[in-house]
Amino acid sequence: LQMNSLKPEDTAVYYCRTIGPSGNYWGQGTQVT
């Protein structure tokens, strides 16, 4: 995820997610401030 022109309202924990025949999975999250 390339994030440009970031704004204060973009501050959050960002989570990766995958969906497929193996199931639905989430990452542990990474903080963007």
Full PDB file with SEQRES, HELIX, SHEET, SSBOND, CRYST1, ORIGX, SCALE, CONECT and MASTER records, all heavy atoms in Angstrom:
SEQRES   1 A   33  LEU GLN MET ASN SER LEU LYS PRO GLU ASP THR ALA VAL          
SEQRES   2 A   33  TYR TYR CYS ARG THR ILE GLY PRO SER GLY ASN TYR TRP          
SEQRES   3 A   33  GLY GLN GLY THR GLN VAL THR                                  
HELIX    1 AA1 PRO A    8  ASP A   10  5                                   3    
SHEET    1 AA1 2 ALA A  12  TYR A  14  0                                        
SHEET    2 AA1 2 THR A  30  VAL A  32 -1                                        
SHEET    1 AA2 2 ARG A  17  GLY A  20  0                                        
SHEET    2 AA2 2 GLY A  23  TRP A  26 -1                                        
CRYST1    1.000    1.000    1.000  90.00  90.00  90.00 P 1           1          
ORIGX1      1.000000  0.000000  0.000000        0.00000                         
ORIGX2      0.000000  1.000000  0.000000        0.00000                         
ORIGX3      0.000000  0.000000  1.000000        0.00000                         
SCALE1      1.000000  0.000000  0.000000        0.00000                         
SCALE2      0.000000  1.000000  0.000000        0.00000                         
SCALE3      0.000000  0.000000  1.000000        0.00000                         
ATOM      1  N   LEU A   1       0.864  -1.181   0.000  1.00  0.00           N  
ATOM      2  CA  LEU A   1       0.000   0.000   0.000  1.00  0.00           C  
ATOM      3  C   LEU A   1       0.901   1.232   0.000  1.00  0.00           C  
ATOM      4  O   LEU A   1       1.553   1.528   1.009  1.00  0.00           O  
ATOM      5  CB  LEU A   1      -0.928   0.017   1.213  1.00  0.00           C  
ATOM      6  CG  LEU A   1      -1.963   1.147   1.209  1.00  0.00           C  
ATOM      7  CD1 LEU A   1      -2.982   0.934   0.084  1.00  0.00           C  
ATOM      8  CD2 LEU A   1      -2.676   1.241   2.557  1.00  0.00           C  
ATOM      9  N   GLN A   2       0.950   1.908  -1.127  1.00  0.00           N  
ATOM     10  CA  GLN A   2       1.691   3.161  -1.224  1.00  0.00           C  
ATOM     11  C   GLN A   2       0.753   4.286  -0.825  1.00  0.00           C  
ATOM     12  O   GLN A   2      -0.298   4.466  -1.445  1.00  0.00           O  
ATOM     13  CB  GLN A   2       2.193   3.367  -2.652  1.00  0.00           C  
ATOM     14  CG  GLN A   2       2.930   4.680  -2.861  1.00  0.00           C  
ATOM     15  CD  GLN A   2       4.223   4.742  -2.084  1.00  0.00           C  
ATOM     16  OE1 GLN A   2       4.982   3.784  -2.041  1.00  0.00           O  
ATOM     17  NE2 GLN A   2       4.487   5.878  -1.454  1.00  0.00           N  
ATOM     18  N   MET A   3       1.133   5.014   0.199  1.00  0.00           N  
ATOM     19  CA  MET A   3       0.295   6.081   0.733  1.00  0.00           C  
ATOM     20  C   MET A   3       0.991   7.419   0.547  1.00  0.00           C  
ATOM     21  O   MET A   3       2.068   7.637   1.113  1.00  0.00           O  
ATOM     22  CB  MET A   3       0.006   5.833   2.220  1.00  0.00           C  
ATOM     23  CG  MET A   3      -0.624   4.470   2.503  1.00  0.00           C  
ATOM     24  SD  MET A   3      -1.086   4.241   4.219  1.00  0.00           S  
ATOM     25  CE  MET A   3       0.528   4.211   4.987  1.00  0.00           C  
ATOM     26  N   ASN A   4       0.404   8.285  -0.245  1.00  0.00           N  
ATOM     27  CA  ASN A   4       0.945   9.616  -0.516  1.00  0.00           C  
ATOM     28  C   ASN A   4      -0.003  10.681   0.006  1.00  0.00           C  
ATOM     29  O   ASN A   4      -1.172  10.407   0.276  1.00  0.00           O  
ATOM     30  CB  ASN A   4       1.158   9.801  -2.019  1.00  0.00           C  
ATOM     31  CG  ASN A   4       2.150   8.813  -2.601  1.00  0.00           C  
ATOM     32  OD1 ASN A   4       3.099   8.387  -1.937  1.00  0.00           O  
ATOM     33  ND2 ASN A   4       1.944   8.441  -3.855  1.00  0.00           N  
ATOM     34  N   SER A   5       0.513  11.884   0.119  1.00  0.00           N  
ATOM     35  CA  SER A   5      -0.301  13.022   0.576  1.00  0.00           C  
ATOM     36  C   SER A   5      -1.061  12.671   1.854  1.00  0.00           C  
ATOM     37  O   SER A   5      -2.273  12.929   1.972  1.00  0.00           O  
ATOM     38  CB  SER A   5      -1.281  13.447  -0.516  1.00  0.00           C  
ATOM     39  OG  SER A   5      -0.596  13.794  -1.705  1.00  0.00           O  
ATOM     40  N   LEU A   6      -0.350  12.117   2.790  1.00  0.00           N  
ATOM     41  CA  LEU A   6      -0.997  11.656   4.027  1.00  0.00           C  
ATOM     42  C   LEU A   6      -1.557  12.815   4.840  1.00  0.00           C  
ATOM     43  O   LEU A   6      -0.978  13.913   4.871  1.00  0.00           O  
ATOM     44  CB  LEU A   6      -0.015  10.844   4.858  1.00  0.00           C  
ATOM     45  CG  LEU A   6       0.193   9.413   4.346  1.00  0.00           C  
ATOM     46  CD1 LEU A   6       1.491   8.815   4.868  1.00  0.00           C  
ATOM     47  CD2 LEU A   6      -0.993   8.542   4.731  1.00  0.00           C  
ATOM     48  N   LYS A   7      -2.677  12.552   5.486  1.00  0.00           N  
ATOM     49  CA  LYS A   7      -3.384  13.541   6.294  1.00  0.00           C  
ATOM     50  C   LYS A   7      -3.477  13.027   7.736  1.00  0.00           C  
ATOM     51  O   LYS A   7      -3.437  11.816   7.971  1.00  0.00           O  
ATOM     52  CB  LYS A   7      -4.793  13.740   5.749  1.00  0.00           C  
ATOM     53  CG  LYS A   7      -4.867  14.129   4.280  1.00  0.00           C  
ATOM     54  CD  LYS A   7      -6.301  14.194   3.808  1.00  0.00           C  
ATOM     55  CE  LYS A   7      -6.403  14.556   2.335  1.00  0.00           C  
ATOM     56  NZ  LYS A   7      -7.813  14.594   1.876  1.00  0.00           N  
ATOM     57  N   PRO A   8      -3.646  13.934   8.685  1.00  0.00           N  
ATOM     58  CA  PRO A   8      -3.796  13.476  10.080  1.00  0.00           C  
ATOM     59  C   PRO A   8      -4.942  12.470  10.247  1.00  0.00           C  
ATOM     60  O   PRO A   8      -4.839  11.553  11.079  1.00  0.00           O  
ATOM     61  CB  PRO A   8      -4.079  14.780  10.829  1.00  0.00           C  
ATOM     62  CG  PRO A   8      -3.372  15.822  10.034  1.00  0.00           C  
ATOM     63  CD  PRO A   8      -3.539  15.403   8.599  1.00  0.00           C  
ATOM     64  N   GLU A   9      -5.989  12.600   9.455  1.00  0.00           N  
ATOM     65  CA  GLU A   9      -7.121  11.672   9.578  1.00  0.00           C  
ATOM     66  C   GLU A   9      -6.806  10.278   9.050  1.00  0.00           C  
ATOM     67  O   GLU A   9      -7.629   9.364   9.187  1.00  0.00           O  
ATOM     68  CB  GLU A   9      -8.368  12.230   8.884  1.00  0.00           C  
ATOM     69  CG  GLU A   9      -8.159  12.706   7.467  1.00  0.00           C  
ATOM     70  CD  GLU A   9      -7.918  14.206   7.391  1.00  0.00           C  
ATOM     71  OE1 GLU A   9      -7.132  14.743   8.209  1.00  0.00           O  
ATOM     72  OE2 GLU A   9      -8.497  14.838   6.472  1.00  0.00           O  
ATOM     73  N   ASP A  10      -5.646  10.093   8.441  1.00  0.00           N  
ATOM     74  CA  ASP A  10      -5.203   8.758   8.032  1.00  0.00           C  
ATOM     75  C   ASP A  10      -4.570   7.997   9.196  1.00  0.00           C  
ATOM     76  O   ASP A  10      -4.246   6.815   9.048  1.00  0.00           O  
ATOM     77  CB  ASP A  10      -4.185   8.847   6.888  1.00  0.00           C  
ATOM     78  CG  ASP A  10      -4.794   9.408   5.609  1.00  0.00           C  
ATOM     79  OD1 ASP A  10      -5.921   9.018   5.259  1.00  0.00           O  
ATOM     80  OD2 ASP A  10      -4.119  10.234   4.967  1.00  0.00           O  
ATOM     81  N   THR A  11      -4.380   8.653  10.312  1.00  0.00           N  
ATOM     82  CA  THR A  11      -3.797   8.001  11.473  1.00  0.00           C  
ATOM     83  C   THR A  11      -4.673   6.849  11.942  1.00  0.00           C  
ATOM     84  O   THR A  11      -5.868   7.022  12.184  1.00  0.00           O  
ATOM     85  CB  THR A  11      -3.611   9.010  12.617  1.00  0.00           C  
ATOM     86  OG1 THR A  11      -2.660  10.001  12.217  1.00  0.00           O  
ATOM     87  CG2 THR A  11      -3.128   8.326  13.885  1.00  0.00           C  
ATOM     88  N   ALA A  12      -4.079   5.670  12.045  1.00  0.00           N  
ATOM     89  CA  ALA A  12      -4.826   4.473  12.423  1.00  0.00           C  
ATOM     90  C   ALA A  12      -3.864   3.290  12.492  1.00  0.00           C  
ATOM     91  O   ALA A  12      -2.703   3.394  12.082  1.00  0.00           O  
ATOM     92  CB  ALA A  12      -5.920   4.169  11.408  1.00  0.00           C  
ATOM     93  N   VAL A  13      -4.377   2.182  12.990  1.00  0.00           N  
ATOM     94  CA  VAL A  13      -3.674   0.909  12.842  1.00  0.00           C  
ATOM     95  C   VAL A  13      -4.160   0.298  11.534  1.00  0.00           C  
ATOM     96  O   VAL A  13      -5.368   0.174  11.306  1.00  0.00           O  
ATOM     97  CB  VAL A  13      -3.955  -0.037  14.021  1.00  0.00           C  
ATOM     98  CG1 VAL A  13      -3.248  -1.377  13.805  1.00  0.00           C  
ATOM     99  CG2 VAL A  13      -3.517   0.601  15.331  1.00  0.00           C  
ATOM    100  N   TYR A  14      -3.206  -0.065  10.683  1.00  0.00           N  
ATOM    101  CA  TYR A  14      -3.526  -0.625   9.373  1.00  0.00           C  
ATOM    102  C   TYR A  14      -3.335  -2.141   9.427  1.00  0.00           C  
ATOM    103  O   TYR A  14      -2.284  -2.628   9.857  1.00  0.00           O  
ATOM    104  CB  TYR A  14      -2.621  -0.009   8.311  1.00  0.00           C  
ATOM    105  CG  TYR A  14      -3.057   1.386   7.936  1.00  0.00           C  
ATOM    106  CD1 TYR A  14      -2.918   2.441   8.842  1.00  0.00           C  
ATOM    107  CD2 TYR A  14      -3.616   1.664   6.685  1.00  0.00           C  
ATOM    108  CE1 TYR A  14      -3.330   3.727   8.514  1.00  0.00           C  
ATOM    109  CE2 TYR A  14      -4.026   2.938   6.352  1.00  0.00           C  
ATOM    110  CZ  TYR A  14      -3.891   3.958   7.271  1.00  0.00           C  
ATOM    111  OH  TYR A  14      -4.303   5.240   6.952  1.00  0.00           O  
ATOM    112  N   TYR A  15      -4.359  -2.852   8.958  1.00  0.00           N  
ATOM    113  CA  TYR A  15      -4.367  -4.305   8.989  1.00  0.00           C  
ATOM    114  C   TYR A  15      -4.403  -4.868   7.577  1.00  0.00           C  
ATOM    115  O   TYR A  15      -5.183  -4.414   6.732  1.00  0.00           O  
ATOM    116  CB  TYR A  15      -5.585  -4.830   9.741  1.00  0.00           C  
ATOM    117  CG  TYR A  15      -5.629  -4.469  11.206  1.00  0.00           C  
ATOM    118  CD1 TYR A  15      -6.244  -3.304  11.641  1.00  0.00           C  
ATOM    119  CD2 TYR A  15      -5.050  -5.313  12.158  1.00  0.00           C  
ATOM    120  CE1 TYR A  15      -6.288  -2.978  12.996  1.00  0.00           C  
ATOM    121  CE2 TYR A  15      -5.095  -4.998  13.508  1.00  0.00           C  
ATOM    122  CZ  TYR A  15      -5.713  -3.823  13.913  1.00  0.00           C  
ATOM    123  OH  TYR A  15      -5.749  -3.505  15.251  1.00  0.00           O  
ATOM    124  N   CYS A  16      -3.601  -5.878   7.351  1.00  0.00           N  
ATOM    125  CA  CYS A  16      -3.613  -6.631   6.107  1.00  0.00           C  
ATOM    126  C   CYS A  16      -4.642  -7.755   6.235  1.00  0.00           C  
ATOM    127  O   CYS A  16      -4.815  -8.335   7.325  1.00  0.00           O  
ATOM    128  CB  CYS A  16      -2.223  -7.206   5.863  1.00  0.00           C  
ATOM    129  SG  CYS A  16      -2.063  -8.304   4.461  1.00  0.00           S  
ATOM    130  N   ARG A  17      -5.295  -8.085   5.137  1.00  0.00           N  
ATOM    131  CA  ARG A  17      -6.276  -9.163   5.132  1.00  0.00           C  
ATOM    132  C   ARG A  17      -6.141  -9.965   3.847  1.00  0.00           C  
ATOM    133  O   ARG A  17      -5.879  -9.399   2.780  1.00  0.00           O  
ATOM    134  CB  ARG A  17      -7.701  -8.598   5.213  1.00  0.00           C  
ATOM    135  CG  ARG A  17      -8.796  -9.657   5.267  1.00  0.00           C  
ATOM    136  CD  ARG A  17     -10.162  -9.017   5.198  1.00  0.00           C  
ATOM    137  NE  ARG A  17     -11.234  -9.987   5.408  1.00  0.00           N  
ATOM    138  CZ  ARG A  17     -12.533  -9.706   5.221  1.00  0.00           C  
ATOM    139  NH1 ARG A  17     -12.903  -8.498   4.857  1.00  0.00           N  
ATOM    140  NH2 ARG A  17     -13.436 -10.642   5.444  1.00  0.00           N  
ATOM    141  N   THR A  18      -6.270 -11.291   3.956  1.00  0.00           N  
ATOM    142  CA  THR A  18      -6.288 -12.142   2.776  1.00  0.00           C  
ATOM    143  C   THR A  18      -7.527 -13.013   2.784  1.00  0.00           C  
ATOM    144  O   THR A  18      -7.989 -13.437   3.846  1.00  0.00           O  
ATOM    145  CB  THR A  18      -5.045 -13.040   2.699  1.00  0.00           C  
ATOM    146  OG1 THR A  18      -5.035 -13.927   3.829  1.00  0.00           O  
ATOM    147  CG2 THR A  18      -3.769 -12.237   2.671  1.00  0.00           C  
ATOM    148  N   ILE A  19      -8.054 -13.277   1.595  1.00  0.00           N  
ATOM    149  CA  ILE A  19      -9.243 -14.111   1.437  1.00  0.00           C  
ATOM    150  C   ILE A  19      -8.974 -15.101   0.315  1.00  0.00           C  
ATOM    151  O   ILE A  19      -8.521 -14.717  -0.769  1.00  0.00           O  
ATOM    152  CB  ILE A  19     -10.475 -13.262   1.074  1.00  0.00           C  
ATOM    153  CG1 ILE A  19     -10.745 -12.213   2.160  1.00  0.00           C  
ATOM    154  CG2 ILE A  19     -11.700 -14.158   0.887  1.00  0.00           C  
ATOM    155  CD1 ILE A  19     -11.814 -11.216   1.786  1.00  0.00           C  
ATOM    156  N   GLY A  20      -9.244 -16.374   0.590  1.00  0.00           N  
ATOM    157  CA  GLY A  20      -9.045 -17.391  -0.421  1.00  0.00           C  
ATOM    158  C   GLY A  20      -9.556 -18.722   0.056  1.00  0.00           C  
ATOM    159  O   GLY A  20     -10.159 -18.816   1.130  1.00  0.00           O  
ATOM    160  N   PRO A  21      -9.306 -19.782  -0.714  1.00  0.00           N  
ATOM    161  CA  PRO A  21      -9.770 -21.120  -0.321  1.00  0.00           C  
ATOM    162  C   PRO A  21      -9.227 -21.588   1.028  1.00  0.00           C  
ATOM    163  O   PRO A  21      -9.851 -22.435   1.669  1.00  0.00           O  
ATOM    164  CB  PRO A  21      -9.252 -22.009  -1.462  1.00  0.00           C  
ATOM    165  CG  PRO A  21      -9.135 -21.092  -2.623  1.00  0.00           C  
ATOM    166  CD  PRO A  21      -8.693 -19.777  -2.036  1.00  0.00           C  
ATOM    167  N   SER A  22      -8.082 -21.042   1.439  1.00  0.00           N  
ATOM    168  CA  SER A  22      -7.520 -21.416   2.740  1.00  0.00           C  
ATOM    169  C   SER A  22      -8.220 -20.721   3.892  1.00  0.00           C  
ATOM    170  O   SER A  22      -8.005 -21.073   5.055  1.00  0.00           O  
ATOM    171  CB  SER A  22      -6.028 -21.101   2.790  1.00  0.00           C  
ATOM    172  OG  SER A  22      -5.311 -21.871   1.858  1.00  0.00           O  
ATOM    173  N   GLY A  23      -9.034 -19.715   3.580  1.00  0.00           N  
ATOM    174  CA  GLY A  23      -9.748 -19.002   4.625  1.00  0.00           C  
ATOM    175  C   GLY A  23      -9.532 -17.506   4.571  1.00  0.00           C  
ATOM    176  O   GLY A  23      -9.004 -16.956   3.606  1.00  0.00           O  
ATOM    177  N   ASN A  24      -9.939 -16.848   5.659  1.00  0.00           N  
ATOM    178  CA  ASN A  24      -9.917 -15.394   5.801  1.00  0.00           C  
ATOM    179  C   ASN A  24      -8.979 -15.070   6.957  1.00  0.00           C  
ATOM    180  O   ASN A  24      -9.220 -15.499   8.080  1.00  0.00           O  
ATOM    181  CB  ASN A  24     -11.346 -14.949   6.088  1.00  0.00           C  
ATOM    182  CG  ASN A  24     -11.480 -13.454   6.270  1.00  0.00           C  
ATOM    183  OD1 ASN A  24     -10.511 -12.714   6.191  1.00  0.00           O  
ATOM    184  ND2 ASN A  24     -12.695 -13.016   6.522  1.00  0.00           N  
ATOM    185  N   TYR A  25      -7.914 -14.315   6.675  1.00  0.00           N  
ATOM    186  CA  TYR A  25      -6.903 -14.067   7.701  1.00  0.00           C  
ATOM    187  C   TYR A  25      -6.584 -12.585   7.823  1.00  0.00           C  
ATOM    188  O   TYR A  25      -6.681 -11.835   6.840  1.00  0.00           O  
ATOM    189  CB  TYR A  25      -5.609 -14.831   7.383  1.00  0.00           C  
ATOM    190  CG  TYR A  25      -5.790 -16.325   7.401  1.00  0.00           C  
ATOM    191  CD1 TYR A  25      -6.155 -17.018   6.239  1.00  0.00           C  
ATOM    192  CD2 TYR A  25      -5.632 -17.054   8.578  1.00  0.00           C  
ATOM    193  CE1 TYR A  25      -6.337 -18.389   6.265  1.00  0.00           C  
ATOM    194  CE2 TYR A  25      -5.814 -18.426   8.594  1.00  0.00           C  
ATOM    195  CZ  TYR A  25      -6.169 -19.081   7.445  1.00  0.00           C  
ATOM    196  OH  TYR A  25      -6.359 -20.445   7.469  1.00  0.00           O  
ATOM    197  N   TRP A  26      -6.171 -12.206   9.044  1.00  0.00           N  
ATOM    198  CA  TRP A  26      -5.790 -10.831   9.335  1.00  0.00           C  
ATOM    199  C   TRP A  26      -4.355 -10.795   9.866  1.00  0.00           C  
ATOM    200  O   TRP A  26      -3.935 -11.700  10.579  1.00  0.00           O  
ATOM    201  CB  TRP A  26      -6.711 -10.232  10.400  1.00  0.00           C  
ATOM    202  CG  TRP A  26      -8.122 -10.020   9.952  1.00  0.00           C  
ATOM    203  CD1 TRP A  26      -9.145 -10.920  10.021  1.00  0.00           C  
ATOM    204  CD2 TRP A  26      -8.674  -8.832   9.369  1.00  0.00           C  
ATOM    205  NE1 TRP A  26     -10.293 -10.350   9.515  1.00  0.00           N  
ATOM    206  CE2 TRP A  26     -10.041  -9.083   9.113  1.00  0.00           C  
ATOM    207  CE3 TRP A  26      -8.142  -7.585   9.041  1.00  0.00           C  
ATOM    208  CZ2 TRP A  26     -10.874  -8.115   8.538  1.00  0.00           C  
ATOM    209  CZ3 TRP A  26      -8.970  -6.639   8.478  1.00  0.00           C  
ATOM    210  CH2 TRP A  26     -10.333  -6.909   8.228  1.00  0.00           C  
ATOM    211  N   GLY A  27      -3.672  -9.700   9.537  1.00  0.00           N  
ATOM    212  CA  GLY A  27      -2.362  -9.458  10.121  1.00  0.00           C  
ATOM    213  C   GLY A  27      -2.500  -8.843  11.509  1.00  0.00           C  
ATOM    214  O   GLY A  27      -3.602  -8.570  11.983  1.00  0.00           O  
ATOM    215  N   GLN A  28      -1.353  -8.611  12.151  1.00  0.00           N  
ATOM    216  CA  GLN A  28      -1.357  -8.115  13.516  1.00  0.00           C  
ATOM    217  C   GLN A  28      -1.544  -6.604  13.579  1.00  0.00           C  
ATOM    218  O   GLN A  28      -1.818  -6.060  14.659  1.00  0.00           O  
ATOM    219  CB  GLN A  28      -0.047  -8.503  14.230  1.00  0.00           C  
ATOM    220  CG  GLN A  28       1.148  -7.620  13.901  1.00  0.00           C  
ATOM    221  CD  GLN A  28       1.764  -7.895  12.546  1.00  0.00           C  
ATOM    222  OE1 GLN A  28       1.354  -8.798  11.809  1.00  0.00           O  
ATOM    223  NE2 GLN A  28       2.767  -7.108  12.189  1.00  0.00           N  
ATOM    224  N   GLY A  29      -1.403  -5.928  12.460  1.00  0.00           N  
ATOM    225  CA  GLY A  29      -1.587  -4.487  12.405  1.00  0.00           C  
ATOM    226  C   GLY A  29      -0.290  -3.725  12.530  1.00  0.00           C  
ATOM    227  O   GLY A  29       0.645  -4.157  13.208  1.00  0.00           O  
ATOM    228  N   THR A  30      -0.225  -2.578  11.864  1.00  0.00           N  
ATOM    229  CA  THR A  30       0.930  -1.694  11.946  1.00  0.00           C  
ATOM    230  C   THR A  30       0.419  -0.261  12.102  1.00  0.00           C  
ATOM    231  O   THR A  30      -0.507   0.162  11.403  1.00  0.00           O  
ATOM    232  CB  THR A  30       1.848  -1.853  10.715  1.00  0.00           C  
ATOM    233  OG1 THR A  30       3.011  -1.044  10.881  1.00  0.00           O  
ATOM    234  CG2 THR A  30       1.152  -1.455   9.425  1.00  0.00           C  
ATOM    235  N   GLN A  31       1.020   0.466  13.029  1.00  0.00           N  
ATOM    236  CA  GLN A  31       0.545   1.804  13.348  1.00  0.00           C  
ATOM    237  C   GLN A  31       1.065   2.811  12.329  1.00  0.00           C  
ATOM    238  O   GLN A  31       2.269   2.844  12.025  1.00  0.00           O  
ATOM    239  CB  GLN A  31       1.012   2.212  14.745  1.00  0.00           C  
ATOM    240  CG  GLN A  31       0.638   3.628  15.153  1.00  0.00           C  
ATOM    241  CD  GLN A  31      -0.854   3.808  15.387  1.00  0.00           C  
ATOM    242  OE1 GLN A  31      -1.487   2.976  16.038  1.00  0.00           O  
ATOM    243  NE2 GLN A  31      -1.420   4.893  14.874  1.00  0.00           N  
ATOM    244  N   VAL A  32       0.163   3.648  11.839  1.00  0.00           N  
ATOM    245  CA  VAL A  32       0.525   4.781  10.989  1.00  0.00           C  
ATOM    246  C   VAL A  32       0.034   6.045  11.699  1.00  0.00           C  
ATOM    247  O   VAL A  32      -1.151   6.166  12.018  1.00  0.00           O  
ATOM    248  CB  VAL A  32      -0.118   4.678   9.592  1.00  0.00           C  
ATOM    249  CG1 VAL A  32       0.094   5.969   8.808  1.00  0.00           C  
ATOM    250  CG2 VAL A  32       0.455   3.487   8.841  1.00  0.00           C  
ATOM    251  N   THR A  33       0.963   6.944  11.960  1.00  0.00           N  
ATOM    252  CA  THR A  33       0.630   8.194  12.631  1.00  0.00           C  
ATOM    253  C   THR A  33       1.058   9.362  11.757  1.00  0.00           C  
ATOM    254  O   THR A  33       2.230   9.443  11.360  1.00  0.00           O  
ATOM    255  CB  THR A  33       1.315   8.297  14.000  1.00  0.00           C  
ATOM    256  OG1 THR A  33       0.922   7.180  14.815  1.00  0.00           O  
ATOM    257  CG2 THR A  33       0.928   9.583  14.706  1.00  0.00           C  
TER     258      THR A  33                                                      
MASTER        0    0    0    1    4    0    0    6  257    1    0    3          
END                                                                             
